[in-house]
Amino acid sequence: MTDMPARRRRSTAPPFQDPEADAFDLWLRESLRDAFDEVAAEPVPEDLLRLIEEDRAERERLRRKRRGGRSD
């Protein structure tokens, strides 16, 4: 055996793979890509980017306030 704990040892046997499950996974992956790739490639709207940046700034302000730093 090895000195490595059992939870960290890797099995040398490949995991069981069901060919039907693999075919389904492939079909699902390709179907989702066909349905959503075009939408996912669209640019993020400016209003949403602004909201994200405002939230990020507010979270940073609150973190600083909790640490006793400046709150501006």
PDB file of N, CA and C in Angstrom:
ATOM      1  N   MET A   1       0.838  -1.186   0.000  1.00  0.00           N
ATOM      2  CA  MET A   1       0.000   0.000   0.000  1.00  0.00           C
ATOM      3  C   MET A   1       0.876   1.238   0.000  1.00  0.00           C
ATOM      4  N   THR A   2       0.249   2.351   0.256  1.00  0.00           N
ATOM      5  CA  THR A   2       0.957   3.622   0.248  1.00  0.00           C
ATOM      6  C   THR A   2       0.705   4.360   1.558  1.00  0.00           C
ATOM      7  N   ASP A   3       1.510   5.369   1.834  1.00  0.00           N
ATOM      8  CA  ASP A   3       1.331   6.156   3.050  1.00  0.00           C
ATOM      9  C   ASP A   3       0.189   7.156   2.921  1.00  0.00           C
ATOM     10  N   MET A   4      -0.300   7.364   1.709  1.00  0.00           N
ATOM     11  CA  MET A   4      -1.346   8.342   1.472  1.00  0.00           C
ATOM     12  C   MET A   4      -2.662   7.850   2.085  1.00  0.00           C
ATOM     13  N   PRO A   5      -3.416   8.749   2.764  1.00  0.00           N
ATOM     14  CA  PRO A   5      -4.714   8.340   3.327  1.00  0.00           C
ATOM     15  C   PRO A   5      -5.647   7.826   2.233  1.00  0.00           C
ATOM     16  N   ALA A   6      -6.552   6.952   2.616  1.00  0.00           N
ATOM     17  CA  ALA A   6      -7.458   6.321   1.654  1.00  0.00           C
ATOM     18  C   ALA A   6      -8.271   7.347   0.874  1.00  0.00           C
ATOM     19  N   ARG A   7      -8.695   8.414   1.519  1.00  0.00           N
ATOM     20  CA  ARG A   7      -9.535   9.398   0.834  1.00  0.00           C
ATOM     21  C   ARG A   7      -8.768  10.152  -0.248  1.00  0.00           C
ATOM     22  N   ARG A   8      -7.450  10.135  -0.196  1.00  0.00           N
ATOM     23  CA  ARG A   8      -6.648  10.858  -1.185  1.00  0.00           C
ATOM     24  C   ARG A   8      -6.111   9.937  -2.269  1.00  0.00           C
ATOM     25  N   ARG A   9      -6.173   8.628  -2.052  1.00  0.00           N
ATOM     26  CA  ARG A   9      -5.707   7.687  -3.074  1.00  0.00           C
ATOM     27  C   ARG A   9      -6.694   7.674  -4.224  1.00  0.00           C
ATOM     28  N   ARG A  10      -6.193   7.533  -5.405  1.00  0.00           N
ATOM     29  CA  ARG A  10      -7.058   7.450  -6.580  1.00  0.00           C
ATOM     30  C   ARG A  10      -7.129   6.015  -7.052  1.00  0.00           C
ATOM     31  N   SER A  11      -8.308   5.633  -7.444  1.00  0.00           N
ATOM     32  CA  SER A  11      -8.509   4.290  -7.978  1.00  0.00           C
ATOM     33  C   SER A  11      -7.848   4.199  -9.351  1.00  0.00           C
ATOM     34  N   THR A  12      -7.257   3.059  -9.627  1.00  0.00           N
ATOM     35  CA  THR A  12      -6.652   2.862 -10.943  1.00  0.00           C
ATOM     36  C   THR A  12      -7.676   2.371 -11.952  1.00  0.00           C
ATOM     37  N   ALA A  13      -8.804   1.872 -11.480  1.00  0.00           N
ATOM     38  CA  ALA A  13      -9.843   1.388 -12.378  1.00  0.00           C
ATOM     39  C   ALA A  13     -10.650   2.571 -12.897  1.00  0.00           C
ATOM     40  N   PRO A  14     -10.947   2.608 -14.203  1.00  0.00           N
ATOM     41  CA  PRO A  14     -11.771   3.704 -14.720  1.00  0.00           C
ATOM     42  C   PRO A  14     -13.190   3.593 -14.178  1.00  0.00           C
ATOM     43  N   PRO A  15     -13.849   4.729 -13.954  1.00  0.00           N
ATOM     44  CA  PRO A  15     -15.223   4.667 -13.453  1.00  0.00           C
ATOM     45  C   PRO A  15     -16.134   4.029 -14.494  1.00  0.00           C
ATOM     46  N   PHE A  16     -17.189   3.378 -14.038  1.00  0.00           N
ATOM     47  CA  PHE A  16     -18.157   2.759 -14.935  1.00  0.00           C
ATOM     48  C   PHE A  16     -18.832   3.845 -15.760  1.00  0.00           C
ATOM     49  N   GLN A  17     -18.883   3.662 -17.052  1.00  0.00           N
ATOM     50  CA  GLN A  17     -19.552   4.624 -17.915  1.00  0.00           C
ATOM     51  C   GLN A  17     -20.591   3.912 -18.750  1.00  0.00           C
ATOM     52  N   ASP A  18     -21.802   4.373 -18.612  1.00  0.00           N
ATOM     53  CA  ASP A  18     -22.924   3.827 -19.364  1.00  0.00           C
ATOM     54  C   ASP A  18     -22.956   4.505 -20.734  1.00  0.00           C
ATOM     55  N   PRO A  19     -22.804   3.725 -21.821  1.00  0.00           N
ATOM     56  CA  PRO A  19     -22.805   4.332 -23.165  1.00  0.00           C
ATOM     57  C   PRO A  19     -24.067   5.141 -23.456  1.00  0.00           C
ATOM     58  N   GLU A  20     -25.208   4.693 -22.946  1.00  0.00           N
ATOM     59  CA  GLU A  20     -26.448   5.440 -23.177  1.00  0.00           C
ATOM     60  C   GLU A  20     -26.404   6.776 -22.455  1.00  0.00           C
ATOM     61  N   ALA A  21     -25.845   6.812 -21.241  1.00  0.00           N
ATOM     62  CA  ALA A  21     -25.737   8.059 -20.493  1.00  0.00           C
ATOM     63  C   ALA A  21     -24.778   9.004 -21.219  1.00  0.00           C
ATOM     64  N   ASP A  22     -23.690   8.465 -21.768  1.00  0.00           N
ATOM     65  CA  ASP A  22     -22.747   9.287 -22.519  1.00  0.00           C
ATOM     66  C   ASP A  22     -23.423   9.894 -23.752  1.00  0.00           C
ATOM     67  N   ALA A  23     -24.231   9.089 -24.447  1.00  0.00           N
ATOM     68  CA  ALA A  23     -24.934   9.585 -25.629  1.00  0.00           C
ATOM     69  C   ALA A  23     -25.934  10.672 -25.235  1.00  0.00           C
ATOM     70  N   PHE A  24     -26.627  10.463 -24.128  1.00  0.00           N
ATOM     71  CA  PHE A  24     -27.576  11.477 -23.653  1.00  0.00           C
ATOM     72  C   PHE A  24     -26.846  12.756 -23.281  1.00  0.00           C
ATOM     73  N   ASP A  25     -25.733  12.637 -22.552  1.00  0.00           N
ATOM     74  CA  ASP A  25     -24.948  13.813 -22.165  1.00  0.00           C
ATOM     75  C   ASP A  25     -24.486  14.587 -23.387  1.00  0.00           C
ATOM     76  N   LEU A  26     -24.021  13.880 -24.396  1.00  0.00           N
ATOM     77  CA  LEU A  26     -23.572  14.520 -25.626  1.00  0.00           C
ATOM     78  C   LEU A  26     -24.731  15.245 -26.304  1.00  0.00           C
ATOM     79  N   TRP A  27     -25.870  14.574 -26.417  1.00  0.00           N
ATOM     80  CA  TRP A  27     -27.049  15.174 -27.028  1.00  0.00           C
ATOM     81  C   TRP A  27     -27.480  16.411 -26.243  1.00  0.00           C
ATOM     82  N   LEU A  28     -27.516  16.308 -24.923  1.00  0.00           N
ATOM     83  CA  LEU A  28     -27.945  17.425 -24.091  1.00  0.00           C
ATOM     84  C   LEU A  28     -26.997  18.610 -24.238  1.00  0.00           C
ATOM     85  N   ARG A  29     -25.701  18.346 -24.169  1.00  0.00           N
ATOM     86  CA  ARG A  29     -24.703  19.408 -24.300  1.00  0.00           C
ATOM     87  C   ARG A  29     -24.860  20.149 -25.639  1.00  0.00           C
ATOM     88  N   GLU A  30     -24.980  19.379 -26.717  1.00  0.00           N
ATOM     89  CA  GLU A  30     -25.109  19.990 -28.042  1.00  0.00           C
ATOM     90  C   GLU A  30     -26.434  20.739 -28.193  1.00  0.00           C
ATOM     91  N   SER A  31     -27.498  20.192 -27.628  1.00  0.00           N
ATOM     92  CA  SER A  31     -28.801  20.866 -27.702  1.00  0.00           C
ATOM     93  C   SER A  31     -28.775  22.189 -26.942  1.00  0.00           C
ATOM     94  N   LEU A  32     -28.157  22.192 -25.775  1.00  0.00           N
ATOM     95  CA  LEU A  32     -28.059  23.432 -25.003  1.00  0.00           C
ATOM     96  C   LEU A  32     -27.196  24.461 -25.714  1.00  0.00           C
ATOM     97  N   ARG A  33     -26.116  24.003 -26.317  1.00  0.00           N
ATOM     98  CA  ARG A  33     -25.278  24.934 -27.086  1.00  0.00           C
ATOM     99  C   ARG A  33     -26.062  25.531 -28.248  1.00  0.00           C
ATOM    100  N   ASP A  34     -26.776  24.690 -28.970  1.00  0.00           N
ATOM    101  CA  ASP A  34     -27.567  25.182 -30.102  1.00  0.00           C
ATOM    102  C   ASP A  34     -28.596  26.216 -29.636  1.00  0.00           C
ATOM    103  N   ALA A  35     -29.191  25.973 -28.472  1.00  0.00           N
ATOM    104  CA  ALA A  35     -30.238  26.852 -27.986  1.00  0.00           C
ATOM    105  C   ALA A  35     -29.701  28.158 -27.398  1.00  0.00           C
ATOM    106  N   PHE A  36     -28.521  28.115 -26.755  1.00  0.00           N
ATOM    107  CA  PHE A  36     -28.104  29.263 -25.967  1.00  0.00           C
ATOM    108  C   PHE A  36     -26.791  29.922 -26.351  1.00  0.00           C
ATOM    109  N   ASP A  37     -26.004  29.358 -27.243  1.00  0.00           N
ATOM    110  CA  ASP A  37     -24.724  29.974 -27.606  1.00  0.00           C
ATOM    111  C   ASP A  37     -24.897  31.394 -28.156  1.00  0.00           C
ATOM    112  N   GLU A  38     -25.887  31.578 -28.998  1.00  0.00           N
ATOM    113  CA  GLU A  38     -26.103  32.897 -29.584  1.00  0.00           C
ATOM    114  C   GLU A  38     -26.448  33.924 -28.504  1.00  0.00           C
ATOM    115  N   VAL A  39     -27.291  33.539 -27.571  1.00  0.00           N
ATOM    116  CA  VAL A  39     -27.679  34.450 -26.486  1.00  0.00           C
ATOM    117  C   VAL A  39     -26.492  34.727 -25.570  1.00  0.00           C
ATOM    118  N   ALA A  40     -25.726  33.697 -25.261  1.00  0.00           N
ATOM    119  CA  ALA A  40     -24.581  33.861 -24.368  1.00  0.00           C
ATOM    120  C   ALA A  40     -23.495  34.732 -24.979  1.00  0.00           C
ATOM    121  N   ALA A  41     -23.451  34.821 -26.299  1.00  0.00           N
ATOM    122  CA  ALA A  41     -22.438  35.623 -26.976  1.00  0.00           C
ATOM    123  C   ALA A  41     -22.824  37.100 -27.060  1.00  0.00           C
ATOM    124  N   GLU A  42     -24.066  37.433 -26.719  1.00  0.00           N
ATOM    125  CA  GLU A  42     -24.502  38.828 -26.777  1.00  0.00           C
ATOM    126  C   GLU A  42     -23.784  39.655 -25.714  1.00  0.00           C
ATOM    127  N   PRO A  43     -23.551  40.924 -25.989  1.00  0.00           N
ATOM    128  CA  PRO A  43     -22.905  41.775 -24.988  1.00  0.00           C
ATOM    129  C   PRO A  43     -23.830  42.017 -23.792  1.00  0.00           C
ATOM    130  N   VAL A  44     -23.210  42.227 -22.637  1.00  0.00           N
ATOM    131  CA  VAL A  44     -23.979  42.512 -21.422  1.00  0.00           C
ATOM    132  C   VAL A  44     -24.474  43.955 -21.513  1.00  0.00           C
ATOM    133  N   PRO A  45     -25.754  44.200 -21.241  1.00  0.00           N
ATOM    134  CA  PRO A  45     -26.285  45.567 -21.324  1.00  0.00           C
ATOM    135  C   PRO A  45     -25.562  46.522 -20.359  1.00  0.00           C
ATOM    136  N   GLU A  46     -25.363  47.757 -20.797  1.00  0.00           N
ATOM    137  CA  GLU A  46     -24.663  48.770 -19.999  1.00  0.00           C
ATOM    138  C   GLU A  46     -25.334  48.992 -18.655  1.00  0.00           C
ATOM    139  N   ASP A  47     -26.667  48.997 -18.618  1.00  0.00           N
ATOM    140  CA  ASP A  47     -27.381  49.207 -17.353  1.00  0.00           C
ATOM    141  C   ASP A  47     -27.040  48.111 -16.340  1.00  0.00           C
ATOM    142  N   LEU A  48     -26.948  46.876 -16.816  1.00  0.00           N
ATOM    143  CA  LEU A  48     -26.611  45.772 -15.921  1.00  0.00           C
ATOM    144  C   LEU A  48     -25.178  45.892 -15.425  1.00  0.00           C
ATOM    145  N   LEU A  49     -24.266  46.257 -16.304  1.00  0.00           N
ATOM    146  CA  LEU A  49     -22.873  46.457 -15.892  1.00  0.00           C
ATOM    147  C   LEU A  49     -22.767  47.559 -14.838  1.00  0.00           C
ATOM    148  N   ARG A  50     -23.531  48.637 -15.027  1.00  0.00           N
ATOM    149  CA  ARG A  50     -23.522  49.732 -14.063  1.00  0.00           C
ATOM    150  C   ARG A  50     -24.036  49.263 -12.708  1.00  0.00           C
ATOM    151  N   LEU A  51     -25.123  48.495 -12.701  1.00  0.00           N
ATOM    152  CA  LEU A  51     -25.662  47.978 -11.439  1.00  0.00           C
ATOM    153  C   LEU A  51     -24.662  47.074 -10.721  1.00  0.00           C
ATOM    154  N   ILE A  52     -23.966  46.250 -11.476  1.00  0.00           N
ATOM    155  CA  ILE A  52     -22.963  45.361 -10.894  1.00  0.00           C
ATOM    156  C   ILE A  52     -21.838  46.174 -10.268  1.00  0.00           C
ATOM    157  N   GLU A  53     -21.369  47.182 -10.966  1.00  0.00           N
ATOM    158  CA  GLU A  53     -20.295  48.032 -10.443  1.00  0.00           C
ATOM    159  C   GLU A  53     -20.746  48.795  -9.202  1.00  0.00           C
ATOM    160  N   GLU A  54     -21.975  49.299  -9.210  1.00  0.00           N
ATOM    161  CA  GLU A  54     -22.496  50.011  -8.033  1.00  0.00           C
ATOM    162  C   GLU A  54     -22.576  49.075  -6.839  1.00  0.00           C
ATOM    163  N   ASP A  55     -23.044  47.864  -7.069  1.00  0.00           N
ATOM    164  CA  ASP A  55     -23.139  46.887  -5.981  1.00  0.00           C
ATOM    165  C   ASP A  55     -21.749  46.537  -5.451  1.00  0.00           C
ATOM    166  N   ARG A  56     -20.802  46.362  -6.349  1.00  0.00           N
ATOM    167  CA  ARG A  56     -19.429  46.042  -5.945  1.00  0.00           C
ATOM    168  C   ARG A  56     -18.861  47.160  -5.074  1.00  0.00           C
ATOM    169  N   ALA A  57     -19.087  48.406  -5.478  1.00  0.00           N
ATOM    170  CA  ALA A  57     -18.592  49.544  -4.705  1.00  0.00           C
ATOM    171  C   ALA A  57     -19.255  49.599  -3.334  1.00  0.00           C
ATOM    172  N   GLU A  58     -20.552  49.339  -3.275  1.00  0.00           N
ATOM    173  CA  GLU A  58     -21.267  49.352  -1.996  1.00  0.00           C
ATOM    174  C   GLU A  58     -20.768  48.237  -1.078  1.00  0.00           C
ATOM    175  N   ARG A  59     -20.546  47.055  -1.617  1.00  0.00           N
ATOM    176  CA  ARG A  59     -20.021  45.953  -0.797  1.00  0.00           C
ATOM    177  C   ARG A  59     -18.643  46.283  -0.248  1.00  0.00           C
ATOM    178  N   GLU A  60     -17.798  46.899  -1.062  1.00  0.00           N
ATOM    179  CA  GLU A  60     -16.469  47.288  -0.605  1.00  0.00           C
ATOM    180  C   GLU A  60     -16.568  48.350   0.487  1.00  0.00           C
ATOM    181  N   ARG A  61     -17.471  49.292   0.317  1.00  0.00           N
ATOM    182  CA  ARG A  61     -17.673  50.326   1.338  1.00  0.00           C
ATOM    183  C   ARG A  61     -18.103  49.687   2.662  1.00  0.00           C
ATOM    184  N   LEU A  62     -19.010  48.729   2.605  1.00  0.00           N
ATOM    185  CA  LEU A  62     -19.472  48.053   3.823  1.00  0.00           C
ATOM    186  C   LEU A  62     -18.350  47.233   4.460  1.00  0.00           C
ATOM    187  N   ARG A  63     -17.511  46.580   3.656  1.00  0.00           N
ATOM    188  CA  ARG A  63     -16.375  45.822   4.196  1.00  0.00           C
ATOM    189  C   ARG A  63     -15.423  46.740   4.952  1.00  0.00           C
ATOM    190  N   ARG A  64     -15.125  47.870   4.340  1.00  0.00           N
ATOM    191  CA  ARG A  64     -14.222  48.827   4.991  1.00  0.00           C
ATOM    192  C   ARG A  64     -14.822  49.342   6.291  1.00  0.00           C
ATOM    193  N   LYS A  65     -16.121  49.597   6.278  1.00  0.00           N
ATOM    194  CA  LYS A  65     -16.800  50.100   7.474  1.00  0.00           C
ATOM    195  C   LYS A  65     -16.717  49.070   8.603  1.00  0.00           C
ATOM    196  N   ARG A  66     -16.923  47.786   8.273  1.00  0.00           N
ATOM    197  CA  ARG A  66     -16.821  46.730   9.290  1.00  0.00           C
ATOM    198  C   ARG A  66     -15.420  46.610   9.865  1.00  0.00           C
ATOM    199  N   ARG A  67     -14.421  46.877   9.035  1.00  0.00           N
ATOM    200  CA  ARG A  67     -13.027  46.790   9.486  1.00  0.00           C
ATOM    201  C   ARG A  67     -12.573  48.047  10.235  1.00  0.00           C
ATOM    202  N   GLY A  68     -13.460  49.028  10.301  1.00  0.00           N
ATOM    203  CA  GLY A  68     -13.085  50.241  11.004  1.00  0.00           C
ATOM    204  C   GLY A  68     -12.414  51.264  10.145  1.00  0.00           C
ATOM    205  N   GLY A  69     -12.420  51.049   8.855  1.00  0.00           N
ATOM    206  CA  GLY A  69     -11.798  51.994   7.924  1.00  0.00           C
ATOM    207  C   GLY A  69     -12.746  53.112   7.594  1.00  0.00           C
ATOM    208  N   ARG A  70     -12.339  53.905   6.623  1.00  0.00           N
ATOM    209  CA  ARG A  70     -13.176  55.014   6.187  1.00  0.00           C
ATOM    210  C   ARG A  70     -14.431  54.489   5.505  1.00  0.00           C
ATOM    211  N   SER A  71     -15.519  55.242   5.585  1.00  0.00           N
ATOM    212  CA  SER A  71     -16.782  54.783   5.013  1.00  0.00           C
ATOM    213  C   SER A  71     -17.166  55.534   3.757  1.00  0.00           C
ATOM    214  N   ASP A  72     -16.295  56.383   3.219  1.00  0.00           N
ATOM    215  CA  ASP A  72     -16.682  57.140   2.026  1.00  0.00           C
ATOM    216  C   ASP A  72     -16.363  56.439   0.777  1.00  0.00           C
TER     217      ASP A  72
END
